[in-house]
Amino acid sequence: MIKSFRNLLSLGLCASALVLSGCAGDDSGSTDTDAATATATATATATMTATTTATSTAGTDTEAGTDTEAGTDTDATTTAGGAGFCALGCSEAADCCQAGAMDCPGAYPNDWECNDGICSNVGCSTNDECTFDGALPNNECHPVGGLGLCFEPCEDDAKCEMMVPGFTCTGETDDGTKFCTMEVEPGPGCTSDDECGGAGVCNAESGACECSGDAECTIDGYVCKL
């Protein structure tokens, strides 16, 4: 589960970087192709961030576990873990920014906060924050899992397929707005500590990667949030 989550999170962060780099150098307005590509990128970011939000509760979710790559080795080792989950630690908001990120912390999508020792993103709050100075005029801000995310709403699968092959109009925000996403079949969760990739230890009963202390979070900069 955690292995898949880390891959999704990396994709989401890369998507954010593409949106920003695409807008920064555009002095004359986006072409239709550029706008479609940037919109697809923003949509992917929305999907991945929603996944991040859902995964942050995995330490207490008895039904957790969606890693389709999870192994089934009956000899795999697991340890007890705890009720916590591993997250990027911080002492100030600047600790949450990627290396080299400009104007961070700052406006969306770089509006990071350091809350109770872990990083959290505030998310967007208005549609204007999502248009990137008019480059993506159809983008809107909607809450997903309580976090404001930018994307272009969809009405049918055809629009999603045009933007990102394989995506469908099946995502739904907290306020009922539809967005493009890719459906993933649920998997069995983790079966060994190795499958947690350093983000906690495996609870074999629930299939969730959990932690009871910082020592169980071995990813650089991560701490255990109880």
Foldseek 3Di string as FASTA:
>chain_A
DLVVLVVLVVLLVVLVVVLVVLLVPDDPADDPVSLLQNQLSLLSNVQSVLVVLVQQQLLQDLQDFFDAPADDDPPADFDAFHSWWKAFFDPFQQSVDDPPDPPAPDAPPRVWGHDPGGIDGQADDFQVSQCSNVNHNQWTWAAASNHTGIHRFDDWQVSLCVSPNQWTQPDAGPVGTTGTDHDGGGDDAHQHQVVNVQTATADNSRNGHHHDWQVSRRDPRMTIDD
